[in-house]
Amino acid sequence: IANDVLLAAFRGGDAPQVAAQAVRAAQRIQSESAPLAE
């Protein structure tokens, strides 16, 4: 975490698995951060 930027990793499986996990996390952050920002 550096100031207002956070770097995260998904590394517990094969490429399709970790990529899907990252996408789902991004989708959740996108949807849940919007009402907080509002």
All heavy atoms as atom14 arrays in JSON, in Angstrom:
{
  "sequence": "IANDVLLAAFRGGDAPQVAAQAVRAAQRIQSESAPLAE",
  "atom14_mask": [
    [1, 1, 1, 1, 1, 1, 1, 1, 0, 0, 0, 0, 0, 0],
    [1, 1, 1, 1, 1, 0, 0, 0, 0, 0, 0, 0, 0, 0],
    [1, 1, 1, 1, 1, 1, 1, 1, 0, 0, 0, 0, 0, 0],
    [1, 1, 1, 1, 1, 1, 1, 1, 0, 0, 0, 0, 0, 0],
    [1, 1, 1, 1, 1, 1, 1, 0, 0, 0, 0, 0, 0, 0],
    [1, 1, 1, 1, 1, 1, 1, 1, 0, 0, 0, 0, 0, 0],
    [1, 1, 1, 1, 1, 1, 1, 1, 0, 0, 0, 0, 0, 0],
    [1, 1, 1, 1, 1, 0, 0, 0, 0, 0, 0, 0, 0, 0],
    [1, 1, 1, 1, 1, 0, 0, 0, 0, 0, 0, 0, 0, 0],
    [1, 1, 1, 1, 1, 1, 1, 1, 1, 1, 1, 0, 0, 0],
    [1, 1, 1, 1, 1, 1, 1, 1, 1, 1, 1, 0, 0, 0],
    [1, 1, 1, 1, 0, 0, 0, 0, 0, 0, 0, 0, 0, 0],
    [1, 1, 1, 1, 0, 0, 0, 0, 0, 0, 0, 0, 0, 0],
    [1, 1, 1, 1, 1, 1, 1, 1, 0, 0, 0, 0, 0, 0],
    [1, 1, 1, 1, 1, 0, 0, 0, 0, 0, 0, 0, 0, 0],
    [1, 1, 1, 1, 1, 1, 1, 0, 0, 0, 0, 0, 0, 0],
    [1, 1, 1, 1, 1, 1, 1, 1, 1, 0, 0, 0, 0, 0],
    [1, 1, 1, 1, 1, 1, 1, 0, 0, 0, 0, 0, 0, 0],
    [1, 1, 1, 1, 1, 0, 0, 0, 0, 0, 0, 0, 0, 0],
    [1, 1, 1, 1, 1, 0, 0, 0, 0, 0, 0, 0, 0, 0],
    [1, 1, 1, 1, 1, 1, 1, 1, 1, 0, 0, 0, 0, 0],
    [1, 1, 1, 1, 1, 0, 0, 0, 0, 0, 0, 0, 0, 0],
    [1, 1, 1, 1, 1, 1, 1, 0, 0, 0, 0, 0, 0, 0],
    [1, 1, 1, 1, 1, 1, 1, 1, 1, 1, 1, 0, 0, 0],
    [1, 1, 1, 1, 1, 0, 0, 0, 0, 0, 0, 0, 0, 0],
    [1, 1, 1, 1, 1, 0, 0, 0, 0, 0, 0, 0, 0, 0],
    [1, 1, 1, 1, 1, 1, 1, 1, 1, 0, 0, 0, 0, 0],
    [1, 1, 1, 1, 1, 1, 1, 1, 1, 1, 1, 0, 0, 0],
    [1, 1, 1, 1, 1, 1, 1, 1, 0, 0, 0, 0, 0, 0],
    [1, 1, 1, 1, 1, 1, 1, 1, 1, 0, 0, 0, 0, 0],
    [1, 1, 1, 1, 1, 1, 0, 0, 0, 0, 0, 0, 0, 0],
    [1, 1, 1, 1, 1, 1, 1, 1, 1, 0, 0, 0, 0, 0],
    [1, 1, 1, 1, 1, 1, 0, 0, 0, 0, 0, 0, 0, 0],
    [1, 1, 1, 1, 1, 0, 0, 0, 0, 0, 0, 0, 0, 0],
    [1, 1, 1, 1, 1, 1, 1, 0, 0, 0, 0, 0, 0, 0],
    [1, 1, 1, 1, 1, 1, 1, 1, 0, 0, 0, 0, 0, 0],
    [1, 1, 1, 1, 1, 0, 0, 0, 0, 0, 0, 0, 0, 0],
    [1, 1, 1, 1, 1, 1, 1, 1, 1, 0, 0, 0, 0, 0]
  ],
  "atom14_positions": [
    [[0.87, -1.17, 0.0], [0.0, 0.0, 0.0], [0.9, 1.22, 0.0], [1.78, 1.35, 0.86], [-0.93, 0.04, 1.22], [-1.84, -1.19, 1.26], [-1.76, 1.33, 1.22], [-2.69, -1.27, 2.52], [0.0, 0.0, 0.0], [0.0, 0.0, 0.0], [0.0, 0.0, 0.0], [0.0, 0.0, 0.0], [0.0, 0.0, 0.0], [0.0, 0.0, 0.0]],
    [[0.74, 2.09, -0.98], [1.52, 3.32, -1.06], [0.55, 4.47, -1.27], [-0.04, 4.61, -2.34], [2.53, 3.26, -2.19], [0.0, 0.0, 0.0], [0.0, 0.0, 0.0], [0.0, 0.0, 0.0], [0.0, 0.0, 0.0], [0.0, 0.0, 0.0], [0.0, 0.0, 0.0], [0.0, 0.0, 0.0], [0.0, 0.0, 0.0], [0.0, 0.0, 0.0]],
    [[0.38, 5.28, -0.22], [-0.58, 6.38, -0.26], [-1.98, 5.84, -0.57], [-2.5, 5.05, 0.19], [-0.12, 7.44, -1.26], [1.22, 8.03, -0.88], [1.5, 8.25, 0.29], [2.08, 8.27, -1.86], [0.0, 0.0, 0.0], [0.0, 0.0, 0.0], [0.0, 0.0, 0.0], [0.0, 0.0, 0.0], [0.0, 0.0, 0.0], [0.0, 0.0, 0.0]],
    [[-2.58, 6.24, -1.71], [-3.92, 5.78, -2.03], [-3.91, 4.71, -3.13], [-4.91, 4.52, -3.82], [-4.82, 6.95, -2.42], [-4.19, 7.84, -3.48], [-3.12, 7.48, -4.0], [-4.77, 8.9, -3.78], [0.0, 0.0, 0.0], [0.0, 0.0, 0.0], [0.0, 0.0, 0.0], [0.0, 0.0, 0.0], [0.0, 0.0, 0.0], [0.0, 0.0, 0.0]],
    [[-2.79, 4.01, -3.29], [-2.67, 2.94, -4.29], [-2.33, 1.63, -3.59], [-1.43, 1.58, -2.75], [-1.58, 3.26, -5.33], [-1.44, 2.12, -6.33], [-1.91, 4.56, -6.06], [0.0, 0.0, 0.0], [0.0, 0.0, 0.0], [0.0, 0.0, 0.0], [0.0, 0.0, 0.0], [0.0, 0.0, 0.0], [0.0, 0.0, 0.0], [0.0, 0.0, 0.0]],
    [[-3.08, 0.58, -3.93], [-2.88, -0.74, -3.33], [-2.59, -1.75, -4.42], [-3.26, -1.77, -5.45], [-4.13, -1.14, -2.55], [-4.14, -2.51, -1.86], [-4.99, -2.45, -0.58], [-4.69, -3.61, -2.78], [0.0, 0.0, 0.0], [0.0, 0.0, 0.0], [0.0, 0.0, 0.0], [0.0, 0.0, 0.0], [0.0, 0.0, 0.0], [0.0, 0.0, 0.0]],
    [[-1.58, -2.59, -4.2], [-1.24, -3.68, -5.12], [-1.58, -5.0, -4.45], [-1.18, -5.24, -3.31], [0.25, -3.64, -5.48], [0.76, -4.82, -6.33], [0.12, -4.83, -7.71], [2.28, -4.76, -6.44], [0.0, 0.0, 0.0], [0.0, 0.0, 0.0], [0.0, 0.0, 0.0], [0.0, 0.0, 0.0], [0.0, 0.0, 0.0], [0.0, 0.0, 0.0]],
    [[-2.33, -5.84, -5.15], [-2.73, -7.14, -4.62], [-2.34, -8.24, -5.59], [-2.15, -8.01, -6.79], [-4.24, -7.18, -4.38], [0.0, 0.0, 0.0], [0.0, 0.0, 0.0], [0.0, 0.0, 0.0], [0.0, 0.0, 0.0], [0.0, 0.0, 0.0], [0.0, 0.0, 0.0], [0.0, 0.0, 0.0], [0.0, 0.0, 0.0], [0.0, 0.0, 0.0]],
    [[-2.23, -9.47, -5.06], [-1.85, -10.62, -5.88], [-2.77, -11.79, -5.62], [-3.23, -12.01, -4.5], [-0.4, -11.01, -5.6], [0.0, 0.0, 0.0], [0.0, 0.0, 0.0], [0.0, 0.0, 0.0], [0.0, 0.0, 0.0], [0.0, 0.0, 0.0], [0.0, 0.0, 0.0], [0.0, 0.0, 0.0], [0.0, 0.0, 0.0], [0.0, 0.0, 0.0]],
    [[-3.0, -12.56, -6.68], [-3.74, -13.82, -6.62], [-2.79, -14.86, -7.18], [-2.44, -14.83, -8.36], [-5.02, -13.74, -7.45], [-5.95, -12.63, -7.02], [-5.69, -11.32, -7.38], [-7.05, -12.91, -6.23], [-6.53, -10.29, -6.98], [-7.9, -11.88, -5.81], [-7.63, -10.57, -6.18], [0.0, 0.0, 0.0], [0.0, 0.0, 0.0], [0.0, 0.0, 0.0]],
    [[-2.36, -15.8, -6.35], [-1.29, -16.71, -6.76], [-1.49, -18.13, -6.24], [-0.55, -18.9, -6.14], [0.07, -16.17, -6.31], [0.17, -15.88, -4.81], [1.48, -15.19, -4.46], [1.59, -14.97, -3.01], [2.63, -15.32, -2.28], [3.67, -15.93, -2.84], [2.67, -15.07, -0.99], [0.0, 0.0, 0.0], [0.0, 0.0, 0.0], [0.0, 0.0, 0.0]],
    [[-2.72, -18.49, -5.93], [-2.98, -19.79, -5.33], [-3.5, -20.85, -6.29], [-4.09, -21.84, -5.84], [0.0, 0.0, 0.0], [0.0, 0.0, 0.0], [0.0, 0.0, 0.0], [0.0, 0.0, 0.0], [0.0, 0.0, 0.0], [0.0, 0.0, 0.0], [0.0, 0.0, 0.0], [0.0, 0.0, 0.0], [0.0, 0.0, 0.0], [0.0, 0.0, 0.0]],
    [[-3.32, -20.67, -7.59], [-3.82, -21.66, -8.53], [-3.19, -21.48, -9.89], [-2.19, -20.78, -10.04], [0.0, 0.0, 0.0], [0.0, 0.0, 0.0], [0.0, 0.0, 0.0], [0.0, 0.0, 0.0], [0.0, 0.0, 0.0], [0.0, 0.0, 0.0], [0.0, 0.0, 0.0], [0.0, 0.0, 0.0], [0.0, 0.0, 0.0], [0.0, 0.0, 0.0]],
    [[-3.8, -22.12, -10.9], [-3.27, -21.97, -12.25], [-3.73, -20.64, -12.84], [-4.5, -19.89, -12.23], [-3.68, -23.14, -13.14], [-5.19, -23.32, -13.26], [-5.94, -22.37, -12.95], [-5.62, -24.41, -13.67], [0.0, 0.0, 0.0], [0.0, 0.0, 0.0], [0.0, 0.0, 0.0], [0.0, 0.0, 0.0], [0.0, 0.0, 0.0], [0.0, 0.0, 0.0]],
    [[-3.24, -20.33, -14.04], [-3.51, -19.01, -14.64], [-5.0, -18.71, -14.77], [-5.44, -17.62, -14.37], [-2.8, -18.9, -15.99], [0.0, 0.0, 0.0], [0.0, 0.0, 0.0], [0.0, 0.0, 0.0], [0.0, 0.0, 0.0], [0.0, 0.0, 0.0], [0.0, 0.0, 0.0], [0.0, 0.0, 0.0], [0.0, 0.0, 0.0], [0.0, 0.0, 0.0]],
    [[-5.83, -19.61, -15.33], [-7.26, -19.3, -15.42], [-7.91, -19.04, -14.06], [-8.77, -18.17, -13.92], [-7.85, -20.54, -16.11], [-6.71, -21.12, -16.87], [-5.51, -20.88, -16.0], [0.0, 0.0, 0.0], [0.0, 0.0, 0.0], [0.0, 0.0, 0.0], [0.0, 0.0, 0.0], [0.0, 0.0, 0.0], [0.0, 0.0, 0.0], [0.0, 0.0, 0.0]],
    [[-7.49, -19.81, -13.05], [-8.1, -19.66, -11.73], [-7.76, -18.32, -11.1], [-8.65, -17.6, -10.63], [-7.64, -20.79, -10.81], [-8.22, -20.71, -9.4], [-7.73, -21.84, -8.51], [-7.1, -22.78, -8.97], [-8.0, -21.73, -7.23], [0.0, 0.0, 0.0], [0.0, 0.0, 0.0], [0.0, 0.0, 0.0], [0.0, 0.0, 0.0], [0.0, 0.0, 0.0]],
    [[-6.47, -17.97, -11.1], [-6.1, -16.72, -10.43], [-6.59, -15.51, -11.21], [-6.94, -14.48, -10.62], [-4.57, -16.64, -10.2], [-4.12, -17.74, -9.25], [-3.78, -16.7, -11.5], [0.0, 0.0, 0.0], [0.0, 0.0, 0.0], [0.0, 0.0, 0.0], [0.0, 0.0, 0.0], [0.0, 0.0, 0.0], [0.0, 0.0, 0.0], [0.0, 0.0, 0.0]],
    [[-6.63, -15.62, -12.56], [-7.16, -14.5, -13.35], [-8.63, -14.28, -13.05], [-9.08, -13.13, -12.91], [-6.94, -14.78, -14.83], [0.0, 0.0, 0.0], [0.0, 0.0, 0.0], [0.0, 0.0, 0.0], [0.0, 0.0, 0.0], [0.0, 0.0, 0.0], [0.0, 0.0, 0.0], [0.0, 0.0, 0.0], [0.0, 0.0, 0.0], [0.0, 0.0, 0.0]],
    [[-9.4, -15.36, -12.95], [-10.83, -15.24, -12.64], [-11.04, -14.66, -11.25], [-11.95, -13.84, -11.04], [-11.51, -16.61, -12.76], [0.0, 0.0, 0.0], [0.0, 0.0, 0.0], [0.0, 0.0, 0.0], [0.0, 0.0, 0.0], [0.0, 0.0, 0.0], [0.0, 0.0, 0.0], [0.0, 0.0, 0.0], [0.0, 0.0, 0.0], [0.0, 0.0, 0.0]],
    [[-10.21, -15.06, -10.31], [-10.32, -14.5, -8.96], [-10.07, -13.0, -8.97], [-10.8, -12.24, -8.3], [-9.32, -15.2, -8.03], [-9.66, -16.64, -7.7], [-8.54, -17.34, -6.96], [-7.37, -16.98, -7.07], [-8.89, -18.36, -6.18], [0.0, 0.0, 0.0], [0.0, 0.0, 0.0], [0.0, 0.0, 0.0], [0.0, 0.0, 0.0], [0.0, 0.0, 0.0]],
    [[-9.07, -12.57, -9.71], [-8.76, -11.15, -9.78], [-9.89, -10.36, -10.42], [-10.24, -9.27, -9.96], [-7.45, -10.93, -10.55], [0.0, 0.0, 0.0], [0.0, 0.0, 0.0], [0.0, 0.0, 0.0], [0.0, 0.0, 0.0], [0.0, 0.0, 0.0], [0.0, 0.0, 0.0], [0.0, 0.0, 0.0], [0.0, 0.0, 0.0], [0.0, 0.0, 0.0]],
    [[-10.48, -10.92, -11.48], [-11.59, -10.23, -12.15], [-12.78, -10.1, -11.22], [-13.4, -9.03, -11.11], [-11.99, -10.98, -13.44], [-13.29, -10.4, -13.99], [-10.89, -10.88, -14.48], [0.0, 0.0, 0.0], [0.0, 0.0, 0.0], [0.0, 0.0, 0.0], [0.0, 0.0, 0.0], [0.0, 0.0, 0.0], [0.0, 0.0, 0.0], [0.0, 0.0, 0.0]],
    [[-13.12, -11.19, -10.52], [-14.26, -11.13, -9.61], [-14.01, -10.13, -8.48], [-14.93, -9.41, -8.07], [-14.56, -12.52, -9.04], [-15.19, -13.48, -10.04], [-15.76, -14.7, -9.35], [-14.72, -15.5, -8.71], [-14.13, -16.55, -9.27], [-14.46, -16.91, -10.51], [-13.2, -17.23, -8.62], [0.0, 0.0, 0.0], [0.0, 0.0, 0.0], [0.0, 0.0, 0.0]],
    [[-12.79, -10.06, -7.99], [-12.47, -9.09, -6.94], [-12.62, -7.67, -7.48], [-13.17, -6.79, -6.8], [-11.05, -9.31, -6.42], [0.0, 0.0, 0.0], [0.0, 0.0, 0.0], [0.0, 0.0, 0.0], [0.0, 0.0, 0.0], [0.0, 0.0, 0.0], [0.0, 0.0, 0.0], [0.0, 0.0, 0.0], [0.0, 0.0, 0.0], [0.0, 0.0, 0.0]],
    [[-12.15, -7.43, -8.7], [-12.28, -6.1, -9.3], [-13.75, -5.73, -9.5], [-14.14, -4.58, -9.27], [-11.53, -6.05, -10.63], [0.0, 0.0, 0.0], [0.0, 0.0, 0.0], [0.0, 0.0, 0.0], [0.0, 0.0, 0.0], [0.0, 0.0, 0.0], [0.0, 0.0, 0.0], [0.0, 0.0, 0.0], [0.0, 0.0, 0.0], [0.0, 0.0, 0.0]],
    [[-14.56, -6.69, -9.93], [-15.98, -6.43, -10.11], [-16.63, -6.06, -8.78], [-17.46, -5.14, -8.72], [-16.67, -7.66, -10.7], [-16.3, -7.94, -12.15], [-16.87, -9.26, -12.64], [-16.87, -10.27, -11.93], [-17.37, -9.26, -13.87], [0.0, 0.0, 0.0], [0.0, 0.0, 0.0], [0.0, 0.0, 0.0], [0.0, 0.0, 0.0], [0.0, 0.0, 0.0]],
    [[-16.24, -6.76, -7.74], [-16.82, -6.47, -6.42], [-16.39, -5.09, -5.93], [-17.2, -4.33, -5.4], [-16.39, -7.55, -5.43], [-16.88, -7.32, -4.02], [-16.67, -8.53, -3.15], [-17.01, -8.25, -1.76], [-17.03, -9.16, -0.8], [-16.75, -10.42, -1.07], [-17.33, -8.83, 0.44], [0.0, 0.0, 0.0], [0.0, 0.0, 0.0], [0.0, 0.0, 0.0]],
    [[-15.11, -4.77, -6.09], [-14.62, -3.45, -5.67], [-15.33, -2.35, -6.45], [-15.74, -1.33, -5.89], [-13.1, -3.36, -5.86], [-12.39, -4.31, -4.9], [-12.61, -1.92, -5.65], [-10.91, -4.48, -5.19], [0.0, 0.0, 0.0], [0.0, 0.0, 0.0], [0.0, 0.0, 0.0], [0.0, 0.0, 0.0], [0.0, 0.0, 0.0], [0.0, 0.0, 0.0]],
    [[-15.49, -2.56, -7.76], [-16.16, -1.56, -8.6], [-17.59, -1.32, -8.13], [-18.03, -0.17, -8.01], [-16.14, -2.0, -10.05], [-16.7, -0.94, -11.01], [-16.73, -1.43, -12.45], [-17.22, -2.53, -12.72], [-16.2, -0.64, -13.36], [0.0, 0.0, 0.0], [0.0, 0.0, 0.0], [0.0, 0.0, 0.0], [0.0, 0.0, 0.0], [0.0, 0.0, 0.0]],
    [[-18.32, -2.4, -7.86], [-19.74, -2.24, -7.49], [-19.91, -1.72, -6.07], [-20.8, -0.9, -5.81], [-20.47, -3.57, -7.66], [-19.96, -4.55, -6.76], [0.0, 0.0, 0.0], [0.0, 0.0, 0.0], [0.0, 0.0, 0.0], [0.0, 0.0, 0.0], [0.0, 0.0, 0.0], [0.0, 0.0, 0.0], [0.0, 0.0, 0.0], [0.0, 0.0, 0.0]],
    [[-19.07, -2.16, -5.14], [-19.26, -1.79, -3.74], [-18.64, -0.44, -3.39], [-19.06, 0.2, -2.43], [-18.69, -2.88, -2.83], [-19.44, -4.2, -2.94], [-18.95, -5.24, -1.96], [-18.0, -4.95, -1.2], [-19.5, -6.35, -1.95], [0.0, 0.0, 0.0], [0.0, 0.0, 0.0], [0.0, 0.0, 0.0], [0.0, 0.0, 0.0], [0.0, 0.0, 0.0]],
    [[-17.64, -0.01, -4.17], [-17.04, 1.29, -3.87], [-17.9, 2.44, -4.37], [-17.81, 3.56, -3.85], [-15.64, 1.39, -4.49], [-15.7, 1.32, -5.9], [0.0, 0.0, 0.0], [0.0, 0.0, 0.0], [0.0, 0.0, 0.0], [0.0, 0.0, 0.0], [0.0, 0.0, 0.0], [0.0, 0.0, 0.0], [0.0, 0.0, 0.0], [0.0, 0.0, 0.0]],
    [[-18.76, 2.18, -5.35], [-19.61, 3.25, -5.9], [-20.55, 3.84, -4.86], [-20.61, 5.06, -4.7], [-20.38, 2.74, -7.11], [0.0, 0.0, 0.0], [0.0, 0.0, 0.0], [0.0, 0.0, 0.0], [0.0, 0.0, 0.0], [0.0, 0.0, 0.0], [0.0, 0.0, 0.0], [0.0, 0.0, 0.0], [0.0, 0.0, 0.0], [0.0, 0.0, 0.0]],
    [[-21.32, 3.02, -4.11], [-22.18, 3.63, -3.08], [-21.4, 4.29, -1.96], [-21.86, 5.28, -1.39], [-23.02, 2.44, -2.58], [-22.27, 1.22, -3.0], [-21.57, 1.58, -4.25], [0.0, 0.0, 0.0], [0.0, 0.0, 0.0], [0.0, 0.0, 0.0], [0.0, 0.0, 0.0], [0.0, 0.0, 0.0], [0.0, 0.0, 0.0], [0.0, 0.0, 0.0]],
    [[-20.23, 3.75, -1.64], [-19.4, 4.39, -0.62], [-18.96, 5.77, -1.09], [-19.02, 6.76, -0.35], [-18.18, 3.52, -0.32], [-17.18, 4.07, 0.7], [-17.84, 4.23, 2.07], [-15.96, 3.16, 0.8], [0.0, 0.0, 0.0], [0.0, 0.0, 0.0], [0.0, 0.0, 0.0], [0.0, 0.0, 0.0], [0.0, 0.0, 0.0], [0.0, 0.0, 0.0]],
    [[-18.53, 5.86, -2.36], [-18.1, 7.15, -2.91], [-19.26, 8.13, -2.97], [-19.09, 9.33, -2.72], [-17.52, 6.94, -4.31], [0.0, 0.0, 0.0], [0.0, 0.0, 0.0], [0.0, 0.0, 0.0], [0.0, 0.0, 0.0], [0.0, 0.0, 0.0], [0.0, 0.0, 0.0], [0.0, 0.0, 0.0], [0.0, 0.0, 0.0], [0.0, 0.0, 0.0]],
    [[-20.45, 7.64, -3.27], [-21.62, 8.52, -3.33], [-21.95, 9.06, -1.94], [-22.32, 10.24, -1.79], [-22.82, 7.77, -3.91], [-24.12, 8.56, -3.93], [-24.05, 9.84, -4.75], [-23.14, 9.97, -5.6], [-24.91, 10.72, -4.54], [0.0, 0.0, 0.0], [0.0, 0.0, 0.0], [0.0, 0.0, 0.0], [0.0, 0.0, 0.0], [0.0, 0.0, 0.0]]
  ]
}
